[in-house]
Amino acid sequence: MPEATLTSRKAFIRANTRAAAVPGLNLSIFTADELTPIWEATEKDLAKHNIAPPFWAFPWAGGQALSHYILDHPEIVRGRRVLDIASGSGLVAIAAGKCGAADVLANDIDPMCEAAIAVNAELNGVAVSYLAGDLLETDLPAVDVILAADVFYEQTPARRFLTYLQRAHAAGITVFAGDPGRTYFPRDAFRQLAEYAVETSTEIENAPVKAARVWAL
């Protein structure tokens, strides 16, 4: 992305969200809430800035649970090369960076996520690299661990993510997933590691507290 565009997107995020602590985690991200302009923005308002719905502006339940698990078990990422796929705000990638991952790569298909991840990584004092685009049909990256939170939200993407993650697992990459009970989560393919009660926004979830689980292939 041209630096001017990245800079303007970072400025948009800082102007329209606020840095807020994620409940229960020693991490903060630029978040949309009732105190921020983007909370009241309509799709028309966002379209003026060429902005898709700001999924990057919330700490999603699955990502919170996976971040909790990483912080509780830093050895799963310490000294290892990590990919956070469909990273959104970068919360999970930042948790990995905080726990001593050798390299952290965050990926998303939304161009705004590059800016969101950059400002959030800076806010938390960690280094996170960014990889844009859909990785699901590409060669596997040179990583040791893949983290996937909140990716099983619709049937077709869920199928594609599962195929990709199983391919990674077969190649020797350790795979962890965070999920708050989405309809299309393929629980038969995973084993549960932990469960957390996490605070969420009713703007994006149907309850202010959700039970979210961490799984491994």
Protein backbone atom coordinates (compact mmCIF):
# COMPACT_ATOMS: atom_id res chain seq x y z
CA MET A 1 0.00 0.00 0.00
CA PRO A 2 1.33 3.51 -0.77
CA GLU A 3 2.60 5.11 2.42
CA ALA A 4 0.31 8.14 2.01
CA THR A 5 -2.73 5.87 1.94
CA LEU A 6 -1.53 3.88 4.94
CA THR A 7 -0.85 7.12 6.81
CA SER A 8 -4.31 8.49 6.04
CA ARG A 9 -5.95 5.25 7.19
CA LYS A 10 -3.99 5.32 10.43
CA ALA A 11 -5.14 8.92 10.94
CA PHE A 12 -8.75 7.91 10.27
CA ILE A 13 -8.54 5.18 12.90
CA ARG A 14 -7.00 7.45 15.52
CA ALA A 15 -9.63 10.14 14.83
CA ASN A 16 -12.66 7.86 14.86
CA THR A 17 -11.89 5.24 17.53
CA ARG A 18 -10.14 5.38 20.89
CA ALA A 19 -7.39 3.41 22.53
CA ALA A 20 -9.10 1.18 25.09
CA ALA A 21 -7.95 -1.68 27.29
CA VAL A 22 -9.35 -5.08 26.35
CA PRO A 23 -11.08 -6.43 29.49
CA GLY A 24 -9.03 -9.08 31.25
CA LEU A 25 -6.00 -8.64 29.00
CA ASN A 26 -2.98 -6.44 29.53
CA LEU A 27 -3.46 -5.17 25.97
CA SER A 28 -5.21 -2.22 24.33
CA ILE A 29 -6.55 -1.60 20.84
CA PHE A 30 -8.18 1.29 19.03
CA THR A 31 -11.84 0.44 19.58
CA ALA A 32 -15.23 1.64 18.38
CA ASP A 33 -17.62 2.38 21.24
CA GLU A 34 -20.26 4.88 22.22
CA LEU A 35 -17.60 7.53 22.85
CA THR A 36 -16.22 7.39 19.29
CA PRO A 37 -17.45 8.90 16.00
CA ILE A 38 -17.30 5.61 14.10
CA TRP A 39 -19.85 4.10 16.51
CA GLU A 40 -22.53 6.37 15.02
CA ALA A 41 -21.24 6.30 11.45
CA THR A 42 -23.58 4.89 8.83
CA GLU A 43 -22.49 2.74 5.90
CA LYS A 44 -22.88 5.87 3.75
CA ASP A 45 -20.50 7.78 6.05
CA LEU A 46 -17.94 4.99 5.84
CA ALA A 47 -18.32 4.73 2.07
CA LYS A 48 -17.18 8.35 1.76
CA HIS A 49 -13.84 7.21 3.16
CA ASN A 50 -13.86 3.95 1.17
CA ILE A 51 -14.15 2.08 4.47
CA ALA A 52 -15.87 -1.30 4.84
CA PRO A 53 -17.74 -2.10 8.09
CA PRO A 54 -15.10 -1.70 10.82
CA PHE A 55 -14.66 -5.29 11.96
CA TRP A 56 -11.09 -4.27 12.82
CA ALA A 57 -12.39 -1.86 15.52
CA PHE A 58 -13.61 -4.49 18.00
CA PRO A 59 -11.98 -7.17 20.16
CA TRP A 60 -13.99 -10.15 18.93
CA ALA A 61 -14.82 -12.91 21.39
CA GLY A 62 -12.78 -15.66 19.73
CA GLY A 63 -9.77 -13.37 19.47
CA GLN A 64 -10.04 -12.43 23.13
CA ALA A 65 -10.14 -16.08 24.17
CA LEU A 66 -7.17 -17.00 21.99
CA SER A 67 -5.25 -13.99 23.30
CA HIS A 68 -6.01 -15.09 26.87
CA TYR A 69 -4.71 -18.56 26.08
CA ILE A 70 -1.49 -17.25 24.53
CA LEU A 71 -0.85 -15.00 27.53
CA ASP A 72 -1.57 -17.91 29.87
CA HIS A 73 0.68 -20.27 27.86
CA PRO A 74 3.42 -18.12 26.30
CA GLU A 75 5.51 -21.18 25.50
CA ILE A 76 3.22 -21.97 22.53
CA VAL A 77 4.59 -18.98 20.62
CA ARG A 78 7.85 -18.05 22.35
CA GLY A 79 10.75 -18.12 19.90
CA ARG A 80 8.50 -19.33 17.07
CA ARG A 81 7.36 -17.83 13.76
CA VAL A 82 3.66 -17.04 13.99
CA LEU A 83 0.91 -16.20 11.48
CA ASP A 84 -2.32 -14.64 12.72
CA ILE A 85 -4.74 -15.23 9.83
CA ALA A 86 -7.81 -12.99 9.39
CA SER A 87 -6.20 -10.81 12.03
CA GLY A 88 -8.68 -7.89 12.10
CA SER A 89 -7.45 -5.53 14.80
CA GLY A 90 -4.28 -7.56 15.30
CA LEU A 91 -5.17 -8.40 18.92
CA VAL A 92 -4.08 -12.05 18.70
CA ALA A 93 -0.90 -11.16 16.79
CA ILE A 94 -0.07 -8.60 19.46
CA ALA A 95 -0.55 -11.18 22.22
CA ALA A 96 1.89 -13.45 20.38
CA GLY A 97 4.39 -10.61 20.11
CA LYS A 98 4.05 -9.82 23.80
CA CYS A 99 4.84 -13.46 24.59
CA GLY A 100 8.14 -13.52 22.74
CA ALA A 101 7.30 -14.90 19.29
CA ALA A 102 10.37 -14.68 17.06
CA ASP A 103 8.38 -13.19 14.17
CA VAL A 104 4.70 -12.26 13.98
CA LEU A 105 2.91 -11.97 10.65
CA ALA A 106 -0.67 -10.71 10.54
CA ASN A 107 -2.92 -11.27 7.53
CA ASP A 108 -6.31 -9.94 6.45
CA ILE A 109 -8.23 -9.22 3.26
CA ASP A 110 -9.53 -5.82 4.46
CA PRO A 111 -7.08 -3.02 3.53
CA MET A 112 -8.03 -1.11 6.69
CA CYS A 113 -6.60 -3.91 8.79
CA GLU A 114 -3.04 -3.05 7.80
CA ALA A 115 -3.49 0.38 9.37
CA ALA A 116 -5.40 -0.97 12.38
CA ILE A 117 -2.75 -3.59 13.08
CA ALA A 118 0.02 -1.02 12.69
CA VAL A 119 -1.47 1.47 15.17
CA ASN A 120 -2.42 -1.27 17.63
CA ALA A 121 1.01 -2.90 17.49
CA GLU A 122 2.61 0.49 18.11
CA LEU A 123 0.20 1.13 20.99
CA ASN A 124 1.32 -2.11 22.65
CA GLY A 125 5.02 -1.79 21.85
CA VAL A 126 5.36 -4.90 19.68
CA ALA A 127 6.52 -5.55 16.12
CA VAL A 128 3.99 -7.13 13.75
CA SER A 129 4.50 -7.51 10.00
CA TYR A 130 1.54 -7.46 7.62
CA LEU A 131 0.61 -9.71 4.71
CA ALA A 132 -2.40 -8.66 2.64
CA GLY A 133 -4.84 -10.78 0.68
CA ASP A 134 -6.51 -14.18 0.67
CA LEU A 135 -3.98 -16.84 1.67
CA LEU A 136 -6.32 -19.81 1.60
CA GLU A 137 -5.40 -21.04 -1.89
CA THR A 138 -1.71 -20.12 -1.68
CA ASP A 139 1.39 -21.99 -0.60
CA LEU A 140 1.78 -22.29 3.15
CA PRO A 141 3.97 -19.61 4.75
CA ALA A 142 7.24 -20.39 6.50
CA VAL A 143 5.81 -20.33 10.02
CA ASP A 144 5.67 -22.64 13.01
CA VAL A 145 2.26 -21.63 14.38
CA ILE A 146 -0.99 -20.40 12.81
CA LEU A 147 -3.54 -18.59 14.96
CA ALA A 148 -7.12 -18.34 13.63
CA ALA A 149 -9.77 -16.51 15.66
CA ASP A 150 -13.38 -15.84 14.65
CA VAL A 151 -12.97 -17.26 11.14
CA PHE A 152 -15.86 -19.75 11.09
CA TYR A 153 -18.65 -17.19 10.74
CA GLU A 154 -20.17 -18.26 7.40
CA GLN A 155 -20.46 -21.66 5.74
CA THR A 156 -18.27 -21.16 2.65
CA PRO A 157 -15.42 -19.30 4.40
CA ALA A 158 -15.55 -21.84 7.24
CA ARG A 159 -15.01 -24.69 4.79
CA ARG A 160 -12.11 -22.88 3.14
CA PHE A 161 -10.45 -22.01 6.43
CA LEU A 162 -10.74 -25.58 7.69
CA THR A 163 -9.15 -26.95 4.52
CA TYR A 164 -6.29 -24.46 4.81
CA LEU A 165 -5.71 -25.11 8.51
CA GLN A 166 -5.79 -28.88 8.01
CA ARG A 167 -3.27 -28.52 5.19
CA ALA A 168 -1.04 -26.48 7.53
CA HIS A 169 -1.41 -29.05 10.31
CA ALA A 170 -0.47 -31.87 7.94
CA ALA A 171 2.67 -29.91 7.03
CA GLY A 172 3.74 -29.76 10.67
CA ILE A 173 2.45 -26.29 11.56
CA THR A 174 0.74 -26.01 14.95
CA VAL A 175 -2.78 -24.61 14.63
CA PHE A 176 -4.83 -22.88 17.35
CA ALA A 177 -8.34 -21.48 16.88
CA GLY A 178 -10.53 -19.20 18.98
CA ASP A 179 -14.30 -19.39 18.58
CA PRO A 180 -17.38 -18.32 20.58
CA GLY A 181 -19.67 -21.06 19.30
CA ARG A 182 -20.26 -19.95 15.71
CA THR A 183 -22.70 -22.12 13.78
CA TYR A 184 -20.11 -23.28 11.27
CA PHE A 185 -17.27 -24.02 13.67
CA PRO A 186 -16.16 -27.61 12.83
CA ARG A 187 -15.71 -28.78 16.40
CA ASP A 188 -15.32 -32.43 15.35
CA ALA A 189 -12.05 -31.49 13.65
CA PHE A 190 -10.59 -29.85 16.77
CA ARG A 191 -9.88 -30.64 20.41
CA GLN A 192 -10.81 -28.09 23.06
CA LEU A 193 -8.03 -26.60 25.17
CA ALA A 194 -9.72 -23.89 27.24
CA GLU A 195 -12.83 -21.77 27.73
CA TYR A 196 -13.06 -18.12 28.76
CA ALA A 197 -15.93 -15.77 29.58
CA VAL A 198 -15.13 -12.59 27.66
CA GLU A 199 -16.76 -9.17 27.55
CA THR A 200 -18.06 -8.14 24.14
CA SER A 201 -20.06 -5.37 22.54
CA THR A 202 -23.71 -5.93 21.70
CA GLU A 203 -22.95 -4.06 18.49
CA ILE A 204 -21.26 -7.22 17.23
CA GLU A 205 -22.53 -10.02 19.49
CA ASN A 206 -25.87 -11.02 20.98
CA ALA A 207 -24.72 -10.77 24.59
CA PRO A 208 -22.35 -8.57 26.62
CA VAL A 209 -20.48 -11.64 27.89
CA LYS A 210 -19.74 -14.65 25.70
CA ALA A 211 -18.25 -18.06 26.40
CA ALA A 212 -15.42 -18.46 23.91
CA ARG A 213 -13.21 -21.50 23.53
CA VAL A 214 -9.70 -22.21 22.35
CA TRP A 215 -9.09 -25.25 20.18
CA ALA A 216 -6.20 -27.07 18.51
CA LEU A 217 -6.10 -29.36 15.49
